[in-house]
Amino acid sequence: MRIKICKECKHPIEQCCCSNERKQQWKKVKSQELLNDIKRIENSIEFTEDRLTHKDEILRKYQQQMAELCYEKNSFEIDDDIADVIFTLWEKGYHTSYCCSGHPENEDYGLYISFAQDYYFDFTTFPFEAGWAYTRYSGNCIRLNVTQKLRKMLSENGIDLTEYFLHQRELLKEWVNQLPPARIADRYENLPGLKISSSKIPACDFLKNWKERKDKMYESL
């Protein structure tokens, strides 16, 4: 499930807190953009004698399509499974470009967040598990890479892939919650824990953590 977010106030459309004055300003700007687009379309369409009869109908169709497009331009969608993480990042000043929570029910393990700026992160302050990477200067994106190597490692240690993935979602949330307020990194500033020649985030002894977690689960039964 996806949530539609207002670009202006960064709240779900149903909870949009933009003032009526701001909405009118936005509507005025979008209306002018719409008129310009309609004028451009009208000038670009070659109305032959056959199509001239249906000119108004054709323009109305374009006008409706452009109106829908203008509405979409003032909102965007994010996965509900990652929405609280994105809201927390915004509150701390981290602007994002795009994200995905993954859809393990469809065997889609694409979990990632791309940042709009080159923010400073210290990757040594949080116990990341295997599979995490941060591609700096190329999308500024933190992602979980579920490679064949990782799948094999999990399988050999009796760890269910979907269970591991869902746990990584929770770890991502914990990491975001402990982040300090946003700060853009200096141009030549290194990010602790991240090697210059690699995007891979060093993993803690996660196999030991999973064994301890399973032992505690069995003890509680």
N, C-alpha and C. Protein backbone atom coordinates (compact mmCIF):
# COMPACT_ATOMS: atom_id res chain seq x y z
N MET A 1 0.84 -1.20 0.00
CA MET A 1 0.00 0.00 0.00
C MET A 1 0.88 1.25 0.00
N ARG A 2 0.44 2.27 -0.74
CA ARG A 2 1.23 3.50 -0.84
C ARG A 2 0.43 4.69 -0.32
N ILE A 3 1.14 5.67 0.23
CA ILE A 3 0.52 6.86 0.81
C ILE A 3 0.84 8.06 -0.08
N LYS A 4 -0.17 8.85 -0.42
CA LYS A 4 0.04 10.05 -1.24
C LYS A 4 0.39 11.22 -0.31
N ILE A 5 1.52 11.87 -0.58
CA ILE A 5 2.05 12.93 0.26
C ILE A 5 2.00 14.28 -0.44
N CYS A 6 1.60 15.33 0.27
CA CYS A 6 1.59 16.68 -0.28
C CYS A 6 3.03 17.19 -0.35
N LYS A 7 3.44 17.70 -1.50
CA LYS A 7 4.81 18.20 -1.66
C LYS A 7 5.07 19.46 -0.85
N GLU A 8 4.01 20.21 -0.57
CA GLU A 8 4.17 21.48 0.13
C GLU A 8 4.47 21.29 1.62
N CYS A 9 3.60 20.55 2.32
CA CYS A 9 3.73 20.42 3.78
C CYS A 9 4.29 19.08 4.23
N LYS A 10 4.48 18.14 3.27
CA LYS A 10 5.03 16.81 3.55
C LYS A 10 4.13 15.99 4.48
N HIS A 11 2.82 16.24 4.41
CA HIS A 11 1.85 15.45 5.17
C HIS A 11 1.03 14.63 4.18
N PRO A 12 0.45 13.50 4.65
CA PRO A 12 -0.47 12.77 3.78
C PRO A 12 -1.56 13.71 3.27
N ILE A 13 -2.00 13.50 2.02
CA ILE A 13 -2.99 14.39 1.40
C ILE A 13 -4.21 14.58 2.29
N GLU A 14 -4.63 13.50 2.96
CA GLU A 14 -5.82 13.59 3.83
C GLU A 14 -5.58 14.48 5.05
N GLN A 15 -4.29 14.68 5.40
CA GLN A 15 -3.94 15.50 6.57
C GLN A 15 -3.19 16.76 6.17
N CYS A 16 -3.33 17.16 4.91
CA CYS A 16 -2.62 18.34 4.40
C CYS A 16 -2.92 19.55 5.28
N CYS A 17 -1.86 20.24 5.73
CA CYS A 17 -2.05 21.39 6.63
C CYS A 17 -1.67 22.70 5.95
N CYS A 18 -1.60 22.69 4.62
CA CYS A 18 -1.32 23.94 3.90
C CYS A 18 -2.49 24.91 4.10
N SER A 19 -2.20 26.18 4.26
CA SER A 19 -3.25 27.17 4.46
C SER A 19 -4.05 27.33 3.17
N ASN A 20 -5.29 27.80 3.32
CA ASN A 20 -6.13 28.04 2.13
C ASN A 20 -5.48 29.05 1.20
N GLU A 21 -4.80 30.05 1.80
CA GLU A 21 -4.10 31.06 1.00
C GLU A 21 -3.00 30.41 0.16
N ARG A 22 -2.25 29.49 0.80
CA ARG A 22 -1.16 28.80 0.09
C ARG A 22 -1.73 27.92 -1.02
N LYS A 23 -2.85 27.27 -0.75
CA LYS A 23 -3.47 26.41 -1.75
C LYS A 23 -3.95 27.23 -2.95
N GLN A 24 -4.47 28.43 -2.67
CA GLN A 24 -4.93 29.30 -3.75
C GLN A 24 -3.75 29.77 -4.59
N GLN A 25 -2.63 30.07 -3.91
CA GLN A 25 -1.43 30.49 -4.64
C GLN A 25 -0.94 29.36 -5.55
N TRP A 26 -0.91 28.14 -4.97
CA TRP A 26 -0.49 26.98 -5.76
C TRP A 26 -1.43 26.77 -6.95
N LYS A 27 -2.75 26.91 -6.69
CA LYS A 27 -3.74 26.71 -7.74
C LYS A 27 -3.57 27.73 -8.86
N LYS A 28 -3.24 28.97 -8.48
CA LYS A 28 -3.05 30.03 -9.46
C LYS A 28 -1.85 29.74 -10.36
N VAL A 29 -0.76 29.30 -9.73
CA VAL A 29 0.45 28.97 -10.49
C VAL A 29 0.19 27.80 -11.43
N LYS A 30 -0.46 26.76 -10.89
CA LYS A 30 -0.74 25.57 -11.70
C LYS A 30 -1.72 25.89 -12.83
N SER A 31 -2.67 26.79 -12.56
CA SER A 31 -3.64 27.17 -13.59
C SER A 31 -2.94 27.86 -14.75
N GLN A 32 -1.97 28.73 -14.42
CA GLN A 32 -1.22 29.43 -15.45
C GLN A 32 -0.37 28.43 -16.25
N GLU A 33 0.23 27.49 -15.54
CA GLU A 33 1.01 26.44 -16.22
C GLU A 33 0.11 25.65 -17.17
N LEU A 34 -1.10 25.38 -16.70
CA LEU A 34 -2.06 24.62 -17.50
C LEU A 34 -2.43 25.40 -18.77
N LEU A 35 -2.70 26.70 -18.62
CA LEU A 35 -3.06 27.53 -19.77
C LEU A 35 -1.93 27.58 -20.79
N ASN A 36 -0.70 27.68 -20.28
CA ASN A 36 0.46 27.72 -21.17
C ASN A 36 0.62 26.40 -21.92
N ASP A 37 0.37 25.30 -21.20
CA ASP A 37 0.48 23.99 -21.84
C ASP A 37 -0.61 23.80 -22.90
N ILE A 38 -1.81 24.25 -22.57
CA ILE A 38 -2.92 24.12 -23.52
C ILE A 38 -2.63 24.94 -24.77
N LYS A 39 -2.10 26.16 -24.58
CA LYS A 39 -1.77 27.03 -25.72
C LYS A 39 -0.68 26.38 -26.58
N ARG A 40 0.30 25.77 -25.89
CA ARG A 40 1.39 25.11 -26.63
C ARG A 40 0.85 23.92 -27.42
N ILE A 41 -0.06 23.17 -26.79
CA ILE A 41 -0.64 22.01 -27.47
C ILE A 41 -1.49 22.45 -28.66
N GLU A 42 -2.26 23.52 -28.46
CA GLU A 42 -3.13 24.01 -29.53
C GLU A 42 -2.31 24.45 -30.74
N ASN A 43 -1.16 25.07 -30.47
CA ASN A 43 -0.30 25.54 -31.56
C ASN A 43 0.45 24.40 -32.24
N SER A 44 0.65 23.31 -31.48
CA SER A 44 1.44 22.21 -32.03
C SER A 44 0.61 21.20 -32.81
N ILE A 45 -0.71 21.19 -32.56
CA ILE A 45 -1.58 20.23 -33.25
C ILE A 45 -1.91 20.75 -34.66
N GLU A 46 -1.72 19.91 -35.63
CA GLU A 46 -2.08 20.27 -37.00
C GLU A 46 -3.54 19.86 -37.22
N PHE A 47 -4.40 20.87 -37.25
CA PHE A 47 -5.83 20.58 -37.40
C PHE A 47 -6.18 20.53 -38.89
N THR A 48 -6.23 19.32 -39.39
CA THR A 48 -6.63 19.13 -40.79
C THR A 48 -8.12 19.42 -40.89
N GLU A 49 -8.60 19.47 -42.10
CA GLU A 49 -10.02 19.77 -42.30
C GLU A 49 -10.90 18.76 -41.58
N ASP A 50 -10.44 17.49 -41.53
CA ASP A 50 -11.21 16.44 -40.89
C ASP A 50 -11.23 16.62 -39.37
N ARG A 51 -10.10 17.04 -38.80
CA ARG A 51 -9.98 17.16 -37.34
C ARG A 51 -10.50 18.51 -36.83
N LEU A 52 -10.59 19.50 -37.72
CA LEU A 52 -11.00 20.85 -37.31
C LEU A 52 -12.39 20.83 -36.67
N THR A 53 -13.27 19.94 -37.15
CA THR A 53 -14.62 19.84 -36.62
C THR A 53 -14.60 19.43 -35.14
N HIS A 54 -13.58 18.63 -34.77
CA HIS A 54 -13.50 18.11 -33.41
C HIS A 54 -12.43 18.85 -32.59
N LYS A 55 -12.06 20.05 -33.02
CA LYS A 55 -10.98 20.80 -32.36
C LYS A 55 -11.26 21.02 -30.87
N ASP A 56 -12.46 21.53 -30.54
CA ASP A 56 -12.79 21.82 -29.14
C ASP A 56 -12.78 20.55 -28.30
N GLU A 57 -13.29 19.47 -28.87
CA GLU A 57 -13.33 18.20 -28.15
C GLU A 57 -11.91 17.70 -27.86
N ILE A 58 -11.04 17.82 -28.86
CA ILE A 58 -9.64 17.38 -28.70
C ILE A 58 -8.94 18.22 -27.63
N LEU A 59 -9.15 19.53 -27.65
CA LEU A 59 -8.51 20.41 -26.67
C LEU A 59 -9.04 20.15 -25.26
N ARG A 60 -10.34 19.85 -25.14
CA ARG A 60 -10.91 19.54 -23.82
C ARG A 60 -10.26 18.28 -23.24
N LYS A 61 -10.02 17.30 -24.12
CA LYS A 61 -9.38 16.07 -23.68
C LYS A 61 -7.97 16.37 -23.15
N TYR A 62 -7.20 17.17 -23.89
CA TYR A 62 -5.86 17.54 -23.44
C TYR A 62 -5.92 18.33 -22.14
N GLN A 63 -6.92 19.22 -22.03
CA GLN A 63 -7.06 20.04 -20.83
C GLN A 63 -7.32 19.16 -19.61
N GLN A 64 -8.16 18.15 -19.76
CA GLN A 64 -8.45 17.23 -18.66
C GLN A 64 -7.20 16.46 -18.27
N GLN A 65 -6.45 15.98 -19.26
CA GLN A 65 -5.22 15.24 -18.99
C GLN A 65 -4.20 16.11 -18.27
N MET A 66 -4.07 17.38 -18.70
CA MET A 66 -3.11 18.28 -18.08
C MET A 66 -3.53 18.64 -16.67
N ALA A 67 -4.85 18.78 -16.44
CA ALA A 67 -5.33 19.09 -15.09
C ALA A 67 -4.99 17.95 -14.14
N GLU A 68 -5.18 16.72 -14.61
CA GLU A 68 -4.83 15.57 -13.77
C GLU A 68 -3.34 15.52 -13.50
N LEU A 69 -2.55 15.87 -14.52
CA LEU A 69 -1.09 15.88 -14.36
C LEU A 69 -0.67 16.94 -13.36
N CYS A 70 -1.30 18.12 -13.40
CA CYS A 70 -0.98 19.19 -12.45
C CYS A 70 -1.28 18.75 -11.03
N TYR A 71 -2.37 18.03 -10.85
CA TYR A 71 -2.70 17.54 -9.51
C TYR A 71 -1.62 16.58 -9.03
N GLU A 72 -1.20 15.68 -9.93
CA GLU A 72 -0.19 14.70 -9.55
C GLU A 72 1.14 15.37 -9.22
N LYS A 73 1.44 16.49 -9.88
CA LYS A 73 2.71 17.17 -9.66
C LYS A 73 2.84 17.72 -8.24
N ASN A 74 1.72 17.95 -7.58
CA ASN A 74 1.79 18.52 -6.24
C ASN A 74 1.74 17.45 -5.15
N SER A 75 1.88 16.19 -5.55
CA SER A 75 1.89 15.11 -4.58
C SER A 75 2.78 13.98 -5.10
N PHE A 76 3.15 13.11 -4.20
CA PHE A 76 3.92 11.93 -4.58
C PHE A 76 3.56 10.81 -3.62
N GLU A 77 3.96 9.61 -3.94
CA GLU A 77 3.58 8.45 -3.14
C GLU A 77 4.80 7.79 -2.52
N ILE A 78 4.62 7.26 -1.31
CA ILE A 78 5.66 6.45 -0.66
C ILE A 78 5.00 5.21 -0.07
N ASP A 79 5.78 4.15 0.08
CA ASP A 79 5.26 2.91 0.67
C ASP A 79 4.93 3.15 2.14
N ASP A 80 3.77 2.66 2.58
CA ASP A 80 3.37 2.88 3.97
C ASP A 80 4.30 2.18 4.96
N ASP A 81 4.99 1.11 4.52
CA ASP A 81 5.89 0.39 5.43
C ASP A 81 7.15 1.18 5.77
N ILE A 82 7.41 2.24 5.01
CA ILE A 82 8.61 3.04 5.25
C ILE A 82 8.26 4.50 5.54
N ALA A 83 6.97 4.81 5.56
CA ALA A 83 6.52 6.20 5.72
C ALA A 83 7.02 6.84 7.01
N ASP A 84 6.94 6.13 8.15
CA ASP A 84 7.37 6.71 9.42
C ASP A 84 8.87 7.01 9.41
N VAL A 85 9.65 6.18 8.70
CA VAL A 85 11.10 6.42 8.59
C VAL A 85 11.36 7.71 7.81
N ILE A 86 10.64 7.89 6.70
CA ILE A 86 10.81 9.09 5.87
C ILE A 86 10.38 10.34 6.63
N PHE A 87 9.26 10.26 7.36
CA PHE A 87 8.80 11.41 8.15
C PHE A 87 9.85 11.81 9.19
N THR A 88 10.47 10.83 9.84
CA THR A 88 11.50 11.12 10.83
C THR A 88 12.70 11.80 10.18
N LEU A 89 13.09 11.34 9.01
CA LEU A 89 14.21 11.96 8.29
C LEU A 89 13.89 13.41 7.96
N TRP A 90 12.69 13.67 7.48
CA TRP A 90 12.31 15.04 7.15
C TRP A 90 12.35 15.94 8.38
N GLU A 91 11.85 15.41 9.50
CA GLU A 91 11.84 16.19 10.74
C GLU A 91 13.26 16.58 11.16
N LYS A 92 14.23 15.72 10.86
CA LYS A 92 15.62 15.98 11.23
C LYS A 92 16.38 16.78 10.18
N GLY A 93 15.69 17.10 9.07
CA GLY A 93 16.31 17.94 8.05
C GLY A 93 16.93 17.19 6.89
N TYR A 94 16.72 15.87 6.82
CA TYR A 94 17.25 15.08 5.71
C TYR A 94 16.23 15.04 4.58
N HIS A 95 16.56 15.64 3.46
CA HIS A 95 15.65 15.63 2.32
C HIS A 95 15.91 14.39 1.47
N THR A 96 14.84 13.72 1.07
CA THR A 96 14.96 12.48 0.30
C THR A 96 14.49 12.68 -1.13
N SER A 97 15.00 11.85 -2.03
CA SER A 97 14.61 11.92 -3.44
C SER A 97 13.62 10.82 -3.79
N TYR A 98 13.91 9.60 -3.36
CA TYR A 98 13.00 8.49 -3.59
C TYR A 98 13.32 7.36 -2.61
N CYS A 99 12.40 6.42 -2.50
CA CYS A 99 12.59 5.33 -1.54
C CYS A 99 11.71 4.16 -1.90
N CYS A 100 12.01 3.02 -1.29
CA CYS A 100 11.18 1.83 -1.47
C CYS A 100 11.34 0.95 -0.24
N SER A 101 10.25 0.41 0.25
CA SER A 101 10.29 -0.44 1.44
C SER A 101 10.48 -1.91 1.10
N GLY A 102 10.46 -2.23 -0.22
CA GLY A 102 10.53 -3.62 -0.62
C GLY A 102 9.18 -4.30 -0.45
N HIS A 103 9.00 -5.41 -1.13
CA HIS A 103 7.73 -6.14 -1.06
C HIS A 103 8.05 -7.63 -1.01
N PRO A 104 8.45 -8.11 0.18
CA PRO A 104 8.87 -9.51 0.30
C PRO A 104 7.78 -10.51 -0.08
N GLU A 105 6.52 -10.10 0.03
CA GLU A 105 5.43 -11.00 -0.35
C GLU A 105 5.49 -11.32 -1.85
N ASN A 106 6.16 -10.45 -2.60
CA ASN A 106 6.36 -10.67 -4.04
C ASN A 106 7.83 -10.99 -4.35
N GLU A 107 8.58 -11.36 -3.32
CA GLU A 107 10.01 -11.66 -3.44
C GLU A 107 10.78 -10.45 -3.98
N ASP A 108 10.33 -9.26 -3.62
CA ASP A 108 11.01 -8.01 -3.98
C ASP A 108 11.68 -7.48 -2.72
N TYR A 109 12.99 -7.56 -2.67
CA TYR A 109 13.73 -7.16 -1.47
C TYR A 109 14.49 -5.84 -1.68
N GLY A 110 13.93 -4.98 -2.51
CA GLY A 110 14.57 -3.69 -2.80
C GLY A 110 14.25 -2.65 -1.74
N LEU A 111 15.04 -2.63 -0.69
CA LEU A 111 14.86 -1.66 0.41
C LEU A 111 15.92 -0.58 0.28
N TYR A 112 15.49 0.67 0.05
CA TYR A 112 16.47 1.74 -0.12
C TYR A 112 15.86 3.12 0.12
N ILE A 113 16.73 4.09 0.40
CA ILE A 113 16.36 5.50 0.52
C ILE A 113 17.45 6.31 -0.16
N SER A 114 17.07 7.17 -1.06
CA SER A 114 18.02 8.06 -1.73
C SER A 114 17.86 9.47 -1.18
N PHE A 115 18.98 10.10 -0.84
CA PHE A 115 18.96 11.44 -0.26
C PHE A 115 19.25 12.51 -1.30
N ALA A 116 18.63 13.67 -1.11
CA ALA A 116 18.76 14.76 -2.08
C ALA A 116 20.08 15.50 -1.95
N GLN A 117 20.77 15.32 -0.81
CA GLN A 117 22.05 16.00 -0.57
C GLN A 117 23.09 14.99 -0.09
N ASP A 118 24.35 15.41 -0.14
CA ASP A 118 25.43 14.57 0.37
C ASP A 118 25.56 14.82 1.87
N TYR A 119 24.73 14.14 2.66
CA TYR A 119 24.72 14.35 4.10
C TYR A 119 25.85 13.59 4.79
N TYR A 120 26.22 14.10 5.96
CA TYR A 120 27.26 13.44 6.75
C TYR A 120 26.62 12.31 7.56
N PHE A 121 27.16 11.11 7.42
CA PHE A 121 26.73 9.95 8.20
C PHE A 121 27.94 9.28 8.82
N ASP A 122 27.79 8.86 10.07
CA ASP A 122 28.83 8.09 10.74
C ASP A 122 28.32 6.65 10.86
N PHE A 123 28.81 5.78 10.00
CA PHE A 123 28.31 4.41 9.94
C PHE A 123 28.92 3.51 11.01
N THR A 124 29.76 4.07 11.88
CA THR A 124 30.37 3.26 12.94
C THR A 124 29.54 3.28 14.23
N THR A 125 28.50 4.10 14.26
CA THR A 125 27.72 4.26 15.50
C THR A 125 26.51 3.33 15.58
N PHE A 126 26.34 2.49 14.56
CA PHE A 126 25.15 1.63 14.55
C PHE A 126 25.53 0.23 14.07
N PRO A 127 25.02 -0.83 14.72
CA PRO A 127 25.38 -2.21 14.35
C PRO A 127 24.63 -2.70 13.11
N PHE A 128 25.08 -2.25 11.94
CA PHE A 128 24.46 -2.74 10.70
C PHE A 128 24.74 -4.22 10.53
N GLU A 129 23.79 -4.94 9.93
CA GLU A 129 24.00 -6.35 9.61
C GLU A 129 24.37 -6.47 8.13
N ALA A 130 24.60 -7.66 7.67
CA ALA A 130 25.13 -7.88 6.32
C ALA A 130 24.16 -7.42 5.22
N GLY A 131 24.74 -6.88 4.14
CA GLY A 131 23.95 -6.52 2.97
C GLY A 131 23.78 -5.04 2.74
N TRP A 132 24.12 -4.21 3.73
CA TRP A 132 23.88 -2.77 3.60
C TRP A 132 25.02 -2.07 2.86
N ALA A 133 24.64 -1.07 2.07
CA ALA A 133 25.62 -0.29 1.32
C ALA A 133 25.14 1.15 1.19
N TYR A 134 26.08 2.06 1.00
CA TYR A 134 25.74 3.47 0.79
C TYR A 134 26.53 3.98 -0.41
N THR A 135 25.83 4.33 -1.47
CA THR A 135 26.48 4.80 -2.69
C THR A 135 26.57 6.32 -2.67
N ARG A 136 27.69 6.82 -2.21
CA ARG A 136 27.91 8.26 -2.14
C ARG A 136 28.28 8.78 -3.54
N TYR A 137 27.87 10.01 -3.86
CA TYR A 137 28.13 10.66 -5.14
C TYR A 137 27.39 9.98 -6.30
N SER A 138 26.63 8.96 -6.02
CA SER A 138 25.87 8.29 -7.06
C SER A 138 24.48 7.98 -6.52
N GLY A 139 23.74 9.05 -6.28
CA GLY A 139 22.39 8.91 -5.74
C GLY A 139 22.29 9.09 -4.25
N ASN A 140 23.47 9.12 -3.55
CA ASN A 140 23.46 9.24 -2.08
C ASN A 140 22.41 8.30 -1.50
N CYS A 141 22.57 7.04 -1.82
CA CYS A 141 21.52 6.06 -1.52
C CYS A 141 21.99 4.98 -0.55
N ILE A 142 21.22 4.78 0.52
CA ILE A 142 21.46 3.66 1.41
C ILE A 142 20.51 2.54 1.01
N ARG A 143 21.05 1.34 0.83
CA ARG A 143 20.20 0.24 0.37
C ARG A 143 20.66 -1.09 0.94
N LEU A 144 19.71 -2.01 0.97
CA LEU A 144 20.01 -3.39 1.36
C LEU A 144 20.17 -4.19 0.08
N ASN A 145 21.38 -4.73 -0.13
CA ASN A 145 21.64 -5.55 -1.31
C ASN A 145 21.49 -7.03 -0.98
N VAL A 146 20.40 -7.62 -1.42
CA VAL A 146 20.18 -9.05 -1.17
C VAL A 146 20.81 -9.82 -2.33
N THR A 147 22.11 -10.06 -2.21
CA THR A 147 22.86 -10.76 -3.25
C THR A 147 22.74 -12.28 -3.08
N GLN A 148 23.20 -13.00 -4.10
CA GLN A 148 23.20 -14.46 -4.03
C GLN A 148 24.10 -14.93 -2.88
N LYS A 149 25.20 -14.20 -2.68
CA LYS A 149 26.12 -14.55 -1.60
C LYS A 149 25.44 -14.43 -0.24
N LEU A 150 24.66 -13.36 -0.05
CA LEU A 150 23.94 -13.17 1.20
C LEU A 150 22.86 -14.23 1.37
N ARG A 151 22.14 -14.53 0.30
CA ARG A 151 21.11 -15.56 0.35
C ARG A 151 21.71 -16.90 0.79
N LYS A 152 22.86 -17.23 0.21
CA LYS A 152 23.52 -18.50 0.54
C LYS A 152 23.95 -18.52 2.00
N MET A 153 24.51 -17.41 2.48
CA MET A 153 24.96 -17.31 3.87
C MET A 153 23.79 -17.49 4.83
N LEU A 154 22.66 -16.85 4.54
CA LEU A 154 21.48 -16.96 5.39
C LEU A 154 20.96 -18.39 5.40
N SER A 155 20.90 -18.99 4.21
CA SER A 155 20.40 -20.35 4.09
C SER A 155 21.27 -21.34 4.87
N GLU A 156 22.59 -21.19 4.76
CA GLU A 156 23.52 -22.10 5.44
C GLU A 156 23.43 -21.99 6.96
N ASN A 157 22.94 -20.84 7.44
CA ASN A 157 22.83 -20.63 8.88
C ASN A 157 21.39 -20.72 9.37
N GLY A 158 20.52 -21.25 8.52
CA GLY A 158 19.14 -21.49 8.93
C GLY A 158 18.32 -20.23 9.18
N ILE A 159 18.65 -19.15 8.47
CA ILE A 159 17.93 -17.87 8.64
C ILE A 159 17.01 -17.66 7.46
N ASP A 160 15.73 -17.49 7.74
CA ASP A 160 14.74 -17.26 6.69
C ASP A 160 14.96 -15.88 6.07
N LEU A 161 14.99 -15.82 4.74
CA LEU A 161 15.28 -14.57 4.03
C LEU A 161 14.25 -13.48 4.34
N THR A 162 12.97 -13.82 4.31
CA THR A 162 11.93 -12.82 4.57
C THR A 162 12.02 -12.30 6.01
N GLU A 163 12.28 -13.20 6.94
CA GLU A 163 12.43 -12.80 8.34
C GLU A 163 13.63 -11.86 8.50
N TYR A 164 14.71 -12.18 7.81
CA TYR A 164 15.91 -11.33 7.85
C TYR A 164 15.60 -9.95 7.27
N PHE A 165 14.91 -9.95 6.13
CA PHE A 165 14.57 -8.69 5.46
C PHE A 165 13.71 -7.80 6.35
N LEU A 166 12.67 -8.36 6.95
CA LEU A 166 11.78 -7.58 7.81
C LEU A 166 12.53 -7.01 9.02
N HIS A 167 13.49 -7.80 9.51
CA HIS A 167 14.32 -7.31 10.61
C HIS A 167 15.18 -6.13 10.17
N GLN A 168 15.65 -6.16 8.92
CA GLN A 168 16.47 -5.06 8.39
C GLN A 168 15.64 -3.77 8.29
N ARG A 169 14.37 -3.92 7.98
CA ARG A 169 13.47 -2.75 7.98
C ARG A 169 13.45 -2.10 9.36
N GLU A 170 13.36 -2.94 10.38
CA GLU A 170 13.33 -2.43 11.75
C GLU A 170 14.67 -1.78 12.11
N LEU A 171 15.77 -2.39 11.65
CA LEU A 171 17.09 -1.81 11.91
C LEU A 171 17.24 -0.45 11.22
N LEU A 172 16.70 -0.34 10.01
CA LEU A 172 16.75 0.94 9.30
C LEU A 172 16.02 2.01 10.10
N LYS A 173 14.88 1.65 10.66
CA LYS A 173 14.11 2.59 11.48
C LYS A 173 14.91 3.00 12.71
N GLU A 174 15.57 2.03 13.36
CA GLU A 174 16.38 2.33 14.54
C GLU A 174 17.55 3.25 14.18
N TRP A 175 18.16 2.99 13.03
CA TRP A 175 19.28 3.83 12.59
C TRP A 175 18.83 5.27 12.37
N VAL A 176 17.70 5.43 11.71
CA VAL A 176 17.17 6.78 11.43
C VAL A 176 16.82 7.49 12.74
N ASN A 177 16.23 6.76 13.69
CA ASN A 177 15.83 7.37 14.96
C ASN A 177 17.01 7.91 15.75
N GLN A 178 18.19 7.27 15.61
CA GLN A 178 19.35 7.73 16.38
C GLN A 178 20.23 8.73 15.62
N LEU A 179 19.83 9.07 14.39
CA LEU A 179 20.61 10.05 13.63
C LEU A 179 20.53 11.43 14.26
N PRO A 180 21.62 12.20 14.23
CA PRO A 180 21.58 13.59 14.71
C PRO A 180 20.91 14.47 13.65
N PRO A 181 20.66 15.73 13.94
CA PRO A 181 20.11 16.63 12.93
C PRO A 181 21.00 16.64 11.67
N ALA A 182 20.38 16.84 10.53
CA ALA A 182 21.10 16.75 9.25
C ALA A 182 22.21 17.79 9.13
N ARG A 183 23.31 17.36 8.53
CA ARG A 183 24.43 18.25 8.21
C ARG A 183 25.01 17.79 6.88
N ILE A 184 25.16 18.72 5.94
CA ILE A 184 25.75 18.37 4.65
C ILE A 184 27.25 18.19 4.82
N ALA A 185 27.78 17.10 4.31
CA ALA A 185 29.20 16.80 4.45
C ALA A 185 30.04 17.76 3.63
N ASP A 186 31.24 18.05 4.12
CA ASP A 186 32.18 18.84 3.34
C ASP A 186 32.58 18.03 2.11
N ARG A 187 33.02 18.72 1.10
CA ARG A 187 33.29 18.07 -0.18
C ARG A 187 34.26 16.89 -0.07
N TYR A 188 35.34 17.07 0.70
CA TYR A 188 36.35 16.01 0.80
C TYR A 188 36.30 15.30 2.16
N GLU A 189 35.18 15.43 2.84
CA GLU A 189 35.05 14.81 4.16
C GLU A 189 34.69 13.33 4.03
N ASN A 190 35.47 12.48 4.70
CA ASN A 190 35.17 11.05 4.69
C ASN A 190 34.01 10.74 5.63
N LEU A 191 33.27 9.71 5.29
CA LEU A 191 32.18 9.25 6.14
C LEU A 191 32.70 8.06 6.96
N PRO A 192 32.80 8.18 8.28
CA PRO A 192 33.33 7.10 9.11
C PRO A 192 32.63 5.77 8.86
N GLY A 193 33.43 4.73 8.72
CA GLY A 193 32.89 3.40 8.50
C GLY A 193 32.71 3.05 7.04
N LEU A 194 32.88 4.02 6.16
CA LEU A 194 32.69 3.78 4.73
C LEU A 194 34.01 3.98 4.00
N LYS A 195 34.49 2.92 3.37
CA LYS A 195 35.75 3.00 2.64
C LYS A 195 35.56 3.79 1.35
N ILE A 196 36.57 4.56 0.98
CA ILE A 196 36.50 5.40 -0.21
C ILE A 196 36.28 4.55 -1.46
N SER A 197 36.92 3.38 -1.49
CA SER A 197 36.86 2.53 -2.68
C SER A 197 35.67 1.56 -2.68
N SER A 198 34.84 1.64 -1.65
CA SER A 198 33.72 0.70 -1.54
C SER A 198 32.49 1.38 -0.95
N SER A 199 31.32 0.91 -1.39
CA SER A 199 30.07 1.45 -0.85
C SER A 199 29.53 0.56 0.26
N LYS A 200 30.20 -0.54 0.51
CA LYS A 200 29.73 -1.51 1.49
C LYS A 200 29.86 -0.98 2.91
N ILE A 201 28.79 -1.09 3.68
CA ILE A 201 28.81 -0.69 5.09
C ILE A 201 29.24 -1.90 5.92
N PRO A 202 30.29 -1.77 6.72
CA PRO A 202 30.78 -2.91 7.52
C PRO A 202 29.67 -3.49 8.40
N ALA A 203 29.59 -4.82 8.42
CA ALA A 203 28.55 -5.49 9.20
C ALA A 203 29.09 -5.95 10.55
N CYS A 204 28.23 -5.93 11.55
CA CYS A 204 28.60 -6.47 12.85
C CYS A 204 28.54 -8.00 12.78
N ASP A 205 28.81 -8.66 13.87
CA ASP A 205 28.74 -10.12 13.92
C ASP A 205 27.26 -10.52 13.98
N PHE A 206 26.58 -10.37 12.84
CA PHE A 206 25.14 -10.54 12.85
C PHE A 206 24.71 -12.00 13.03
N LEU A 207 25.55 -12.96 12.61
CA LEU A 207 25.19 -14.37 12.80
C LEU A 207 25.09 -14.70 14.28
N LYS A 208 26.02 -14.13 15.07
CA LYS A 208 25.97 -14.33 16.52
C LYS A 208 24.70 -13.71 17.09
N ASN A 209 24.34 -12.52 16.59
CA ASN A 209 23.12 -11.85 17.06
C ASN A 209 21.88 -12.68 16.76
N TRP A 210 21.84 -13.29 15.58
CA TRP A 210 20.68 -14.09 15.20
C TRP A 210 20.61 -15.36 16.04
N LYS A 211 21.75 -15.95 16.34
CA LYS A 211 21.77 -17.16 17.18
C LYS A 211 21.25 -16.83 18.58
N GLU A 212 21.70 -15.69 19.12
CA GLU A 212 21.24 -15.27 20.45
C GLU A 212 19.74 -14.98 20.44
N ARG A 213 19.28 -14.38 19.35
CA ARG A 213 17.86 -14.06 19.24
C ARG A 213 17.02 -15.34 19.22
N LYS A 214 17.50 -16.34 18.49
CA LYS A 214 16.76 -17.61 18.42
C LYS A 214 16.79 -18.34 19.76
N ASP A 215 17.95 -18.28 20.45
CA ASP A 215 18.04 -18.93 21.76
C ASP A 215 17.04 -18.32 22.75
N LYS A 216 16.92 -16.99 22.73
CA LYS A 216 15.98 -16.32 23.62
C LYS A 216 14.54 -16.70 23.28
N MET A 217 14.29 -16.85 21.97
CA MET A 217 12.94 -17.21 21.54
C MET A 217 12.58 -18.60 22.05
N TYR A 218 13.55 -19.55 21.96
CA TYR A 218 13.29 -20.91 22.43
C TYR A 218 13.11 -20.94 23.94
N GLU A 219 13.88 -20.10 24.66
CA GLU A 219 13.77 -20.05 26.11
C GLU A 219 12.40 -19.58 26.58
N SER A 220 11.79 -18.71 25.78
CA SER A 220 10.49 -18.14 26.15
C SER A 220 9.33 -19.09 25.86
N LEU A 221 9.61 -20.15 25.08
CA LEU A 221 8.53 -21.11 24.72
C LEU A 221 8.20 -22.03 25.89
